[in-house]
Amino acid sequence: MPTLLLTHPSFKRHETPQGHPERVDRIRAVEHVLEQERFAALWREEAPLADRSSLLTCHPEHHIEAIERALPIEGYAPIDSDTVMSPGSLEASLRGVGASTRAVEAVLSGEARNAFAAIRPPGHHAEHATAMGFCFFNNAAIAARYAQKKFGIDRVAIIDWDVHHGNGTQDIFWNDASVMYCSTHEMPLYPGTGARDERGENDNIVNAPLSAGDGGEMFRDAFTHVILPRLTKFAPELVIISAGFDAHWRDPLANLNLEERDFSWATQRLMDIADKHANGRVVSLLEGGYDLEGLSRSVAVHVSTLMGQAGAG
């Protein structure tokens, strides 16, 4: 079975002000690298629009309506100091959610071996009723709920290696034993959450914070000794990756020193978990990554690994 790639032109119509790190060039860089010949075997689809019922699995009606009301006719509308909307932002956000649920559908129905959604804006900072950190709707959380509600999946694991802690995903699943949320991230750093003792009401939250200056050795140690044992015990039926690449050493928003091979290594470890417990079912959703070269190179090895290409990282 192929690896599915989902993207859409609308992701380039979510515009941000000059100098904003979450910019259109990010998705252009990702699309450009995935046009290389080595990715010719990808099964490519355009992201559909999410329906409202998907959003409502993780966000209340008043949150959705607030995002809709904030959409400007022209220019920019600030949501907070970091998060802004342009006229194209709502469609991009809805297609980001749509890509996430379509990825789940393709993988769980057996159409695809696994899937990568090259989407923006990101989602993992979006809490139950709060848009923040460049994020409006929580793509990974909605994908997990979609898998449970449409396909009857009992246990979903979300693994987040974005350099910023996914406070939104943690918030949504804090009380839910059916979803395990695991995160490596730099601390202290925005948004300030993600301490080791934040474990959820059902011990289903696994935080493995890293420190400024840490590189691949500490990242792999956190995976090997903290995250992978918990995932093995949890035995997920679906693995969702919040795939942010801003822990790369080139990234301007953080201070970790990961290289492309570290992302490839982590991808393979999660694929091994999925092979053992989830019939190989992996869905990966793009989160952060703000240096264009670091982002494109990291996405390339990540997708190559998902495709099973030898020497990917």
C-alpha atoms as a PDB file:
ATOM      1  CA  MET A   1       0.000   0.000   0.000  1.00  0.00           C
ATOM      2  CA  PRO A   2       1.187   3.549  -0.686  1.00  0.00           C
ATOM      3  CA  THR A   3       1.913   6.447   1.631  1.00  0.00           C
ATOM      4  CA  LEU A   4      -0.737   9.142   1.235  1.00  0.00           C
ATOM      5  CA  LEU A   5       0.253  12.811   0.979  1.00  0.00           C
ATOM      6  CA  LEU A   6      -2.449  15.389   1.611  1.00  0.00           C
ATOM      7  CA  THR A   7      -2.101  19.100   0.910  1.00  0.00           C
ATOM      8  CA  HIS A   8      -4.074  21.925  -0.739  1.00  0.00           C
ATOM      9  CA  PRO A   9      -3.467  25.322  -2.393  1.00  0.00           C
ATOM     10  CA  SER A  10      -5.498  27.011   0.353  1.00  0.00           C
ATOM     11  CA  PHE A  11      -2.616  26.512   2.765  1.00  0.00           C
ATOM     12  CA  LYS A  12      -0.782  29.207   0.802  1.00  0.00           C
ATOM     13  CA  ARG A  13      -3.715  31.595   1.218  1.00  0.00           C
ATOM     14  CA  HIS A  14      -3.441  31.709   5.013  1.00  0.00           C
ATOM     15  CA  GLU A  15      -1.297  34.846   5.128  1.00  0.00           C
ATOM     16  CA  THR A  16       0.526  36.358   8.083  1.00  0.00           C
ATOM     17  CA  PRO A  17       2.237  39.748   8.486  1.00  0.00           C
ATOM     18  CA  GLN A  18       5.775  40.423   7.263  1.00  0.00           C
ATOM     19  CA  GLY A  19       8.285  38.799   9.593  1.00  0.00           C
ATOM     20  CA  HIS A  20       5.836  36.313  11.115  1.00  0.00           C
ATOM     21  CA  PRO A  21       7.518  32.891  11.425  1.00  0.00           C
ATOM     22  CA  GLU A  22       4.399  30.896  10.434  1.00  0.00           C
ATOM     23  CA  ARG A  23       4.470  32.081   6.853  1.00  0.00           C
ATOM     24  CA  VAL A  24       3.377  30.899   3.433  1.00  0.00           C
ATOM     25  CA  ASP A  25       6.949  30.003   2.451  1.00  0.00           C
ATOM     26  CA  ARG A  26       6.825  27.084   4.905  1.00  0.00           C
ATOM     27  CA  ILE A  27       4.312  25.123   2.863  1.00  0.00           C
ATOM     28  CA  ARG A  28       6.043  26.102  -0.377  1.00  0.00           C
ATOM     29  CA  ALA A  29       9.300  24.635   0.961  1.00  0.00           C
ATOM     30  CA  VAL A  30       7.557  21.400   1.945  1.00  0.00           C
ATOM     31  CA  GLU A  31       5.770  21.048  -1.372  1.00  0.00           C
ATOM     32  CA  HIS A  32       8.979  21.768  -3.277  1.00  0.00           C
ATOM     33  CA  VAL A  33      11.009  19.057  -1.569  1.00  0.00           C
ATOM     34  CA  LEU A  34       8.204  16.513  -1.986  1.00  0.00           C
ATOM     35  CA  GLU A  35       8.255  17.107  -5.736  1.00  0.00           C
ATOM     36  CA  GLN A  36      11.618  15.307  -5.951  1.00  0.00           C
ATOM     37  CA  GLU A  37      11.752  12.087  -7.944  1.00  0.00           C
ATOM     38  CA  ARG A  38      12.229   9.950  -4.834  1.00  0.00           C
ATOM     39  CA  PHE A  39       8.692  10.897  -3.775  1.00  0.00           C
ATOM     40  CA  ALA A  40       7.054   9.965  -7.086  1.00  0.00           C
ATOM     41  CA  ALA A  41       5.416   6.917  -5.479  1.00  0.00           C
ATOM     42  CA  LEU A  42       3.404   9.020  -3.034  1.00  0.00           C
ATOM     43  CA  TRP A  43      -0.355   8.833  -3.460  1.00  0.00           C
ATOM     44  CA  ARG A  44      -1.405  12.476  -3.540  1.00  0.00           C
ATOM     45  CA  GLU A  45      -4.788  13.963  -2.694  1.00  0.00           C
ATOM     46  CA  GLU A  46      -6.106  17.441  -2.056  1.00  0.00           C
ATOM     47  CA  ALA A  47      -7.332  18.061   1.466  1.00  0.00           C
ATOM     48  CA  PRO A  48     -11.119  18.197   1.790  1.00  0.00           C
ATOM     49  CA  LEU A  49     -12.986  20.734   3.883  1.00  0.00           C
ATOM     50  CA  ALA A  50     -13.787  19.521   7.378  1.00  0.00           C
ATOM     51  CA  ASP A  51     -17.420  19.314   8.342  1.00  0.00           C
ATOM     52  CA  ARG A  52     -18.649  20.998  11.489  1.00  0.00           C
ATOM     53  CA  SER A  53     -19.305  17.726  13.265  1.00  0.00           C
ATOM     54  CA  SER A  54     -15.577  16.969  13.206  1.00  0.00           C
ATOM     55  CA  LEU A  55     -14.730  20.303  14.809  1.00  0.00           C
ATOM     56  CA  LEU A  56     -17.359  19.778  17.499  1.00  0.00           C
ATOM     57  CA  THR A  57     -15.681  16.599  18.738  1.00  0.00           C
ATOM     58  CA  CYS A  58     -12.961  18.762  20.309  1.00  0.00           C
ATOM     59  CA  HIS A  59     -14.168  22.375  20.242  1.00  0.00           C
ATOM     60  CA  PRO A  60     -17.446  23.915  21.451  1.00  0.00           C
ATOM     61  CA  GLU A  61     -19.757  25.784  19.118  1.00  0.00           C
ATOM     62  CA  HIS A  62     -18.877  29.158  20.632  1.00  0.00           C
ATOM     63  CA  HIS A  63     -15.175  28.626  19.830  1.00  0.00           C
ATOM     64  CA  ILE A  64     -15.933  27.781  16.200  1.00  0.00           C
ATOM     65  CA  GLU A  65     -18.241  30.782  15.896  1.00  0.00           C
ATOM     66  CA  ALA A  66     -15.606  33.077  17.404  1.00  0.00           C
ATOM     67  CA  ILE A  67     -13.091  31.989  14.757  1.00  0.00           C
ATOM     68  CA  GLU A  68     -15.653  32.506  12.017  1.00  0.00           C
ATOM     69  CA  ARG A  69     -16.550  36.001  13.294  1.00  0.00           C
ATOM     70  CA  ALA A  70     -12.886  36.992  13.498  1.00  0.00           C
ATOM     71  CA  LEU A  71     -12.250  36.296   9.805  1.00  0.00           C
ATOM     72  CA  PRO A  72     -11.365  39.611   8.125  1.00  0.00           C
ATOM     73  CA  ILE A  73     -12.582  40.691   4.707  1.00  0.00           C
ATOM     74  CA  GLU A  74      -9.119  42.139   4.059  1.00  0.00           C
ATOM     75  CA  GLY A  75      -5.872  42.606   5.947  1.00  0.00           C
ATOM     76  CA  TYR A  76      -5.235  40.843   9.229  1.00  0.00           C
ATOM     77  CA  ALA A  77      -7.295  40.167  12.351  1.00  0.00           C
ATOM     78  CA  PRO A  78      -5.290  39.417  15.517  1.00  0.00           C
ATOM     79  CA  ILE A  79      -6.509  36.572  17.730  1.00  0.00           C
ATOM     80  CA  ASP A  80      -3.691  37.079  20.227  1.00  0.00           C
ATOM     81  CA  SER A  81      -0.175  38.510  20.113  1.00  0.00           C
ATOM     82  CA  ASP A  82       1.066  35.567  17.993  1.00  0.00           C
ATOM     83  CA  THR A  83      -1.996  34.360  16.136  1.00  0.00           C
ATOM     84  CA  VAL A  84      -3.564  36.242  13.219  1.00  0.00           C
ATOM     85  CA  MET A  85      -6.192  35.585  10.592  1.00  0.00           C
ATOM     86  CA  SER A  86      -6.295  36.730   6.968  1.00  0.00           C
ATOM     87  CA  PRO A  87      -9.183  36.264   4.513  1.00  0.00           C
ATOM     88  CA  GLY A  88      -7.855  32.807   3.579  1.00  0.00           C
ATOM     89  CA  SER A  89      -7.261  31.543   7.105  1.00  0.00           C
ATOM     90  CA  LEU A  90     -10.596  29.882   7.777  1.00  0.00           C
ATOM     91  CA  GLU A  91     -10.547  27.737   4.637  1.00  0.00           C
ATOM     92  CA  ALA A  92      -6.934  26.745   5.325  1.00  0.00           C
ATOM     93  CA  SER A  93      -7.819  25.786   8.896  1.00  0.00           C
ATOM     94  CA  LEU A  94     -10.837  23.763   7.800  1.00  0.00           C
ATOM     95  CA  ARG A  95      -8.826  21.966   5.125  1.00  0.00           C
ATOM     96  CA  GLY A  96      -6.100  21.254   7.707  1.00  0.00           C
ATOM     97  CA  VAL A  97      -8.704  19.488   9.813  1.00  0.00           C
ATOM     98  CA  GLY A  98     -10.121  17.838   6.686  1.00  0.00           C
ATOM     99  CA  ALA A  99      -6.681  16.563   5.716  1.00  0.00           C
ATOM    100  CA  SER A 100      -6.254  15.117   9.201  1.00  0.00           C
ATOM    101  CA  THR A 101      -9.541  13.218   9.180  1.00  0.00           C
ATOM    102  CA  ARG A 102      -9.068  12.069   5.578  1.00  0.00           C
ATOM    103  CA  ALA A 103      -5.619  10.739   6.526  1.00  0.00           C
ATOM    104  CA  VAL A 104      -7.197   8.746   9.348  1.00  0.00           C
ATOM    105  CA  GLU A 105      -9.904   7.440   7.028  1.00  0.00           C
ATOM    106  CA  ALA A 106      -7.420   6.340   4.365  1.00  0.00           C
ATOM    107  CA  VAL A 107      -5.174   4.558   6.861  1.00  0.00           C
ATOM    108  CA  LEU A 108      -7.917   2.876   8.908  1.00  0.00           C
ATOM    109  CA  SER A 109      -9.857   1.747   5.829  1.00  0.00           C
ATOM    110  CA  GLY A 110      -6.735   0.147   4.364  1.00  0.00           C
ATOM    111  CA  GLU A 111      -6.433   2.480   1.382  1.00  0.00           C
ATOM    112  CA  ALA A 112      -2.997   3.723   2.497  1.00  0.00           C
ATOM    113  CA  ARG A 113      -0.171   2.233   4.511  1.00  0.00           C
ATOM    114  CA  ASN A 114       0.298   5.528   6.355  1.00  0.00           C
ATOM    115  CA  ALA A 115      -0.228   9.221   5.650  1.00  0.00           C
ATOM    116  CA  PHE A 116       1.423  12.631   5.940  1.00  0.00           C
ATOM    117  CA  ALA A 117      -0.637  15.812   5.911  1.00  0.00           C
ATOM    118  CA  ALA A 118       1.408  18.817   4.754  1.00  0.00           C
ATOM    119  CA  ILE A 119      -0.844  21.443   6.298  1.00  0.00           C
ATOM    120  CA  ARG A 120      -0.891  24.873   7.860  1.00  0.00           C
ATOM    121  CA  PRO A 121      -1.786  26.536  10.133  1.00  0.00           C
ATOM    122  CA  PRO A 122      -0.608  24.066  12.788  1.00  0.00           C
ATOM    123  CA  GLY A 123      -2.954  22.836  15.496  1.00  0.00           C
ATOM    124  CA  HIS A 124      -1.406  21.487  18.680  1.00  0.00           C
ATOM    125  CA  HIS A 125      -1.623  24.719  20.716  1.00  0.00           C
ATOM    126  CA  ALA A 126      -5.382  25.046  20.132  1.00  0.00           C
ATOM    127  CA  GLU A 127      -7.087  24.171  23.398  1.00  0.00           C
ATOM    128  CA  HIS A 128     -10.692  23.090  23.848  1.00  0.00           C
ATOM    129  CA  ALA A 129     -11.974  26.674  23.601  1.00  0.00           C
ATOM    130  CA  THR A 130      -8.877  28.799  22.954  1.00  0.00           C
ATOM    131  CA  ALA A 131      -6.997  29.571  19.732  1.00  0.00           C
ATOM    132  CA  MET A 132      -3.346  30.411  20.370  1.00  0.00           C
ATOM    133  CA  GLY A 133       0.232  29.821  19.240  1.00  0.00           C
ATOM    134  CA  PHE A 134      -0.565  30.143  15.493  1.00  0.00           C
ATOM    135  CA  CYS A 135      -3.302  27.476  15.925  1.00  0.00           C
ATOM    136  CA  PHE A 136      -7.100  27.703  15.513  1.00  0.00           C
ATOM    137  CA  PHE A 137      -8.337  24.092  15.604  1.00  0.00           C
ATOM    138  CA  ASN A 138      -6.480  21.087  17.006  1.00  0.00           C
ATOM    139  CA  ASN A 139      -5.853  18.846  14.002  1.00  0.00           C
ATOM    140  CA  ALA A 140      -4.308  15.930  15.909  1.00  0.00           C
ATOM    141  CA  ALA A 141      -7.002  15.875  18.585  1.00  0.00           C
ATOM    142  CA  ILE A 142      -9.792  15.955  16.005  1.00  0.00           C
ATOM    143  CA  ALA A 143      -8.074  13.176  14.045  1.00  0.00           C
ATOM    144  CA  ALA A 144      -7.990  11.016  17.183  1.00  0.00           C
ATOM    145  CA  ARG A 145     -11.675  11.626  17.904  1.00  0.00           C
ATOM    146  CA  TYR A 146     -12.554  10.883  14.277  1.00  0.00           C
ATOM    147  CA  ALA A 147     -10.775   7.523  14.506  1.00  0.00           C
ATOM    148  CA  GLN A 148     -12.701   6.680  17.652  1.00  0.00           C
ATOM    149  CA  LYS A 149     -16.126   7.822  16.518  1.00  0.00           C
ATOM    150  CA  LYS A 150     -16.111   6.619  12.900  1.00  0.00           C
ATOM    151  CA  PHE A 151     -13.950   3.508  13.174  1.00  0.00           C
ATOM    152  CA  GLY A 152     -14.459   2.434  16.785  1.00  0.00           C
ATOM    153  CA  ILE A 153     -10.794   2.670  17.709  1.00  0.00           C
ATOM    154  CA  ASP A 154     -10.406   2.289  21.472  1.00  0.00           C
ATOM    155  CA  ARG A 155      -6.856   3.532  22.048  1.00  0.00           C
ATOM    156  CA  VAL A 156      -5.131   6.320  20.114  1.00  0.00           C
ATOM    157  CA  ALA A 157      -1.621   7.601  20.816  1.00  0.00           C
ATOM    158  CA  ILE A 158      -0.548  11.113  19.810  1.00  0.00           C
ATOM    159  CA  ILE A 159       3.212  11.654  19.834  1.00  0.00           C
ATOM    160  CA  ASP A 160       4.346  15.255  19.570  1.00  0.00           C
ATOM    161  CA  TRP A 161       7.999  16.075  18.889  1.00  0.00           C
ATOM    162  CA  ASP A 162       7.439  19.750  18.057  1.00  0.00           C
ATOM    163  CA  VAL A 163       9.885  21.854  20.072  1.00  0.00           C
ATOM    164  CA  HIS A 164       6.935  23.652  21.719  1.00  0.00           C
ATOM    165  CA  HIS A 165       4.720  21.655  24.040  1.00  0.00           C
ATOM    166  CA  GLY A 166       1.288  20.832  22.657  1.00  0.00           C
ATOM    167  CA  ASN A 167      -0.694  22.378  25.469  1.00  0.00           C
ATOM    168  CA  GLY A 168      -3.878  22.194  23.419  1.00  0.00           C
ATOM    169  CA  THR A 169      -3.714  18.454  22.851  1.00  0.00           C
ATOM    170  CA  GLN A 170      -2.874  17.911  26.511  1.00  0.00           C
ATOM    171  CA  ASP A 171      -5.804  20.106  27.544  1.00  0.00           C
ATOM    172  CA  ILE A 172      -8.308  18.253  25.364  1.00  0.00           C
ATOM    173  CA  PHE A 173      -7.305  14.775  26.548  1.00  0.00           C
ATOM    174  CA  TRP A 174      -6.361  15.531  30.176  1.00  0.00           C
ATOM    175  CA  ASN A 175      -9.281  13.466  31.494  1.00  0.00           C
ATOM    176  CA  ASP A 176      -9.424  10.837  28.752  1.00  0.00           C
ATOM    177  CA  ALA A 177      -7.790   7.451  29.308  1.00  0.00           C
ATOM    178  CA  SER A 178      -8.510   6.395  25.719  1.00  0.00           C
ATOM    179  CA  VAL A 179      -5.921   8.798  24.270  1.00  0.00           C
ATOM    180  CA  MET A 180      -2.276   8.850  25.314  1.00  0.00           C
ATOM    181  CA  TYR A 181      -0.458  12.108  24.608  1.00  0.00           C
ATOM    182  CA  CYS A 182       3.361  11.936  24.610  1.00  0.00           C
ATOM    183  CA  SER A 183       5.612  14.956  24.055  1.00  0.00           C
ATOM    184  CA  THR A 184       9.246  15.904  23.808  1.00  0.00           C
ATOM    185  CA  HIS A 185       9.798  19.654  23.834  1.00  0.00           C
ATOM    186  CA  GLU A 186      12.155  22.332  25.078  1.00  0.00           C
ATOM    187  CA  MET A 187      11.555  23.793  28.539  1.00  0.00           C
ATOM    188  CA  PRO A 188      11.326  26.527  29.513  1.00  0.00           C
ATOM    189  CA  LEU A 189       9.789  27.719  26.269  1.00  0.00           C
ATOM    190  CA  TYR A 190       6.380  28.777  24.964  1.00  0.00           C
ATOM    191  CA  PRO A 191       3.714  27.932  26.073  1.00  0.00           C
ATOM    192  CA  GLY A 192       5.210  27.073  29.475  1.00  0.00           C
ATOM    193  CA  THR A 193       3.411  23.749  29.937  1.00  0.00           C
ATOM    194  CA  GLY A 194       4.756  20.214  29.669  1.00  0.00           C
ATOM    195  CA  ALA A 195       6.470  19.499  32.987  1.00  0.00           C
ATOM    196  CA  ARG A 196       7.143  15.857  33.847  1.00  0.00           C
ATOM    197  CA  ASP A 197       4.573  15.919  36.629  1.00  0.00           C
ATOM    198  CA  GLU A 198       1.752  16.887  34.236  1.00  0.00           C
ATOM    199  CA  ARG A 199       0.376  13.388  33.838  1.00  0.00           C
ATOM    200  CA  GLY A 200      -3.377  13.753  33.276  1.00  0.00           C
ATOM    201  CA  GLU A 201      -6.215  12.443  35.387  1.00  0.00           C
ATOM    202  CA  ASN A 202      -5.634   8.896  34.115  1.00  0.00           C
ATOM    203  CA  ASP A 203      -1.828   8.929  33.829  1.00  0.00           C
ATOM    204  CA  ASN A 204      -2.306   9.214  30.062  1.00  0.00           C
ATOM    205  CA  ILE A 205      -0.057  12.271  29.584  1.00  0.00           C
ATOM    206  CA  VAL A 206       3.659  11.579  29.110  1.00  0.00           C
ATOM    207  CA  ASN A 207       5.922  14.638  29.063  1.00  0.00           C
ATOM    208  CA  ALA A 208       9.649  14.274  28.476  1.00  0.00           C
ATOM    209  CA  PRO A 209      10.983  17.850  28.454  1.00  0.00           C
ATOM    210  CA  LEU A 210      14.414  18.676  27.066  1.00  0.00           C
ATOM    211  CA  SER A 211      16.727  21.569  27.892  1.00  0.00           C
ATOM    212  CA  ALA A 212      18.217  24.262  25.679  1.00  0.00           C
ATOM    213  CA  GLY A 213      21.277  22.887  23.911  1.00  0.00           C
ATOM    214  CA  ASP A 214      20.125  19.261  23.959  1.00  0.00           C
ATOM    215  CA  GLY A 215      20.619  17.360  20.742  1.00  0.00           C
ATOM    216  CA  GLY A 216      19.899  13.976  19.261  1.00  0.00           C
ATOM    217  CA  GLU A 217      21.361  11.955  22.117  1.00  0.00           C
ATOM    218  CA  MET A 218      19.034  13.436  24.735  1.00  0.00           C
ATOM    219  CA  PHE A 219      16.070  13.339  22.349  1.00  0.00           C
ATOM    220  CA  ARG A 220      16.630   9.665  21.602  1.00  0.00           C
ATOM    221  CA  ASP A 221      17.142   8.950  25.299  1.00  0.00           C
ATOM    222  CA  ALA A 222      13.771  10.565  26.091  1.00  0.00           C
ATOM    223  CA  PHE A 223      12.102   8.429  23.449  1.00  0.00           C
ATOM    224  CA  THR A 224      13.863   5.222  24.428  1.00  0.00           C
ATOM    225  CA  HIS A 225      13.446   5.442  28.204  1.00  0.00           C
ATOM    226  CA  VAL A 226      10.290   7.499  28.683  1.00  0.00           C
ATOM    227  CA  ILE A 227       7.982   7.531  25.663  1.00  0.00           C
ATOM    228  CA  LEU A 228       8.429   4.180  23.930  1.00  0.00           C
ATOM    229  CA  PRO A 229       7.937   2.055  27.090  1.00  0.00           C
ATOM    230  CA  ARG A 230       4.698   3.896  27.855  1.00  0.00           C
ATOM    231  CA  LEU A 231       3.479   3.476  24.285  1.00  0.00           C
ATOM    232  CA  THR A 232       4.299  -0.230  24.362  1.00  0.00           C
ATOM    233  CA  LYS A 233       2.274  -0.655  27.555  1.00  0.00           C
ATOM    234  CA  PHE A 234      -0.614   1.406  26.138  1.00  0.00           C
ATOM    235  CA  ALA A 235      -0.657  -0.644  22.885  1.00  0.00           C
ATOM    236  CA  PRO A 236      -2.296   1.975  20.645  1.00  0.00           C
ATOM    237  CA  GLU A 237      -4.515   0.946  17.764  1.00  0.00           C
ATOM    238  CA  LEU A 238      -3.544   4.103  15.856  1.00  0.00           C
ATOM    239  CA  VAL A 239      -0.429   6.280  16.068  1.00  0.00           C
ATOM    240  CA  ILE A 240      -0.784   9.983  15.262  1.00  0.00           C
ATOM    241  CA  ILE A 241       2.359  12.128  15.028  1.00  0.00           C
ATOM    242  CA  SER A 242       2.278  15.859  15.681  1.00  0.00           C
ATOM    243  CA  ALA A 243       5.272  16.342  13.422  1.00  0.00           C
ATOM    244  CA  GLY A 244       6.834  19.696  14.179  1.00  0.00           C
ATOM    245  CA  PHE A 245      10.383  20.178  12.936  1.00  0.00           C
ATOM    246  CA  ASP A 246      11.381  23.247  14.951  1.00  0.00           C
ATOM    247  CA  ALA A 247      13.637  21.199  17.223  1.00  0.00           C
ATOM    248  CA  HIS A 248      16.047  21.198  14.247  1.00  0.00           C
ATOM    249  CA  TRP A 249      19.342  22.917  15.020  1.00  0.00           C
ATOM    250  CA  ARG A 250      18.713  25.582  12.364  1.00  0.00           C
ATOM    251  CA  ASP A 251      15.350  26.728  13.729  1.00  0.00           C
ATOM    252  CA  PRO A 252      15.181  30.344  14.962  1.00  0.00           C
ATOM    253  CA  LEU A 253      12.427  29.862  17.560  1.00  0.00           C
ATOM    254  CA  ALA A 254      14.155  27.375  19.854  1.00  0.00           C
ATOM    255  CA  ASN A 255      17.445  26.027  21.116  1.00  0.00           C
ATOM    256  CA  LEU A 256      17.520  22.281  20.511  1.00  0.00           C
ATOM    257  CA  ASN A 257      19.991  20.705  18.128  1.00  0.00           C
ATOM    258  CA  LEU A 258      18.236  17.854  16.378  1.00  0.00           C
ATOM    259  CA  GLU A 259      19.340  16.757  12.925  1.00  0.00           C
ATOM    260  CA  GLU A 260      17.340  15.171  10.137  1.00  0.00           C
ATOM    261  CA  ARG A 261      18.514  11.699  11.122  1.00  0.00           C
ATOM    262  CA  ASP A 262      16.927  12.145  14.564  1.00  0.00           C
ATOM    263  CA  PHE A 263      13.508  12.705  13.016  1.00  0.00           C
ATOM    264  CA  SER A 264      13.996   9.682  10.766  1.00  0.00           C
ATOM    265  CA  TRP A 265      14.999   7.583  13.772  1.00  0.00           C
ATOM    266  CA  ALA A 266      11.950   8.684  15.779  1.00  0.00           C
ATOM    267  CA  THR A 267       9.665   8.053  12.806  1.00  0.00           C
ATOM    268  CA  GLN A 268      10.968   4.508  12.490  1.00  0.00           C
ATOM    269  CA  ARG A 269      10.565   3.833  16.226  1.00  0.00           C
ATOM    270  CA  LEU A 270       6.934   4.938  16.064  1.00  0.00           C
ATOM    271  CA  MET A 271       6.373   2.850  12.954  1.00  0.00           C
ATOM    272  CA  ASP A 272       7.757  -0.125  14.893  1.00  0.00           C
ATOM    273  CA  ILE A 273       5.244   0.525  17.688  1.00  0.00           C
ATOM    274  CA  ALA A 274       2.476   0.777  15.102  1.00  0.00           C
ATOM    275  CA  ASP A 275       3.601  -2.440  13.404  1.00  0.00           C
ATOM    276  CA  LYS A 276       3.428  -4.276  16.741  1.00  0.00           C
ATOM    277  CA  HIS A 277       0.133  -2.916  18.039  1.00  0.00           C
ATOM    278  CA  ALA A 278      -1.746  -1.006  15.309  1.00  0.00           C
ATOM    279  CA  ASN A 279      -1.320  -2.965  12.071  1.00  0.00           C
ATOM    280  CA  GLY A 280       1.234  -0.356  11.002  1.00  0.00           C
ATOM    281  CA  ARG A 281      -1.286   2.495  11.067  1.00  0.00           C
ATOM    282  CA  VAL A 282       0.461   5.874  11.331  1.00  0.00           C
ATOM    283  CA  VAL A 283      -0.923   9.325  10.533  1.00  0.00           C
ATOM    284  CA  SER A 284       1.507  12.261  10.593  1.00  0.00           C
ATOM    285  CA  LEU A 285       0.395  15.894  10.695  1.00  0.00           C
ATOM    286  CA  LEU A 286       2.695  18.853  10.103  1.00  0.00           C
ATOM    287  CA  GLU A 287       3.009  21.227  13.046  1.00  0.00           C
ATOM    288  CA  GLY A 288       5.893  23.720  13.407  1.00  0.00           C
ATOM    289  CA  GLY A 289       9.273  24.221  11.740  1.00  0.00           C
ATOM    290  CA  TYR A 290      10.343  27.750  10.845  1.00  0.00           C
ATOM    291  CA  ASP A 291      13.735  27.516   9.144  1.00  0.00           C
ATOM    292  CA  LEU A 292      12.889  26.646   5.554  1.00  0.00           C
ATOM    293  CA  GLU A 293      15.954  24.522   4.891  1.00  0.00           C
ATOM    294  CA  GLY A 294      15.709  22.670   8.189  1.00  0.00           C
ATOM    295  CA  LEU A 295      11.997  22.131   7.628  1.00  0.00           C
ATOM    296  CA  SER A 296      12.267  20.837   4.083  1.00  0.00           C
ATOM    297  CA  ARG A 297      15.182  18.519   4.841  1.00  0.00           C
ATOM    298  CA  SER A 298      13.438  17.140   7.920  1.00  0.00           C
ATOM    299  CA  VAL A 299      10.143  16.581   6.119  1.00  0.00           C
ATOM    300  CA  ALA A 300      12.045  14.782   3.371  1.00  0.00           C
ATOM    301  CA  VAL A 301      13.600  12.200   5.699  1.00  0.00           C
ATOM    302  CA  HIS A 302      10.357  11.842   7.661  1.00  0.00           C
ATOM    303  CA  VAL A 303       8.292  11.083   4.572  1.00  0.00           C
ATOM    304  CA  SER A 304      11.042   8.882   3.124  1.00  0.00           C
ATOM    305  CA  THR A 305      10.940   6.823   6.315  1.00  0.00           C
ATOM    306  CA  LEU A 306       7.152   6.563   6.177  1.00  0.00           C
ATOM    307  CA  MET A 307       7.543   5.288   2.607  1.00  0.00           C
ATOM    308  CA  GLY A 308       9.998   2.629   3.762  1.00  0.00           C
ATOM    309  CA  GLN A 309      12.898   3.976   1.760  1.00  0.00           C
ATOM    310  CA  ALA A 310      16.259   2.570   2.837  1.00  0.00           C
ATOM    311  CA  GLY A 311      18.763   5.070   4.183  1.00  0.00           C
ATOM    312  CA  ALA A 312      16.096   7.707   4.727  1.00  0.00           C
ATOM    313  CA  GLY A 313      17.877   9.262   7.665  1.00  0.00           C
END
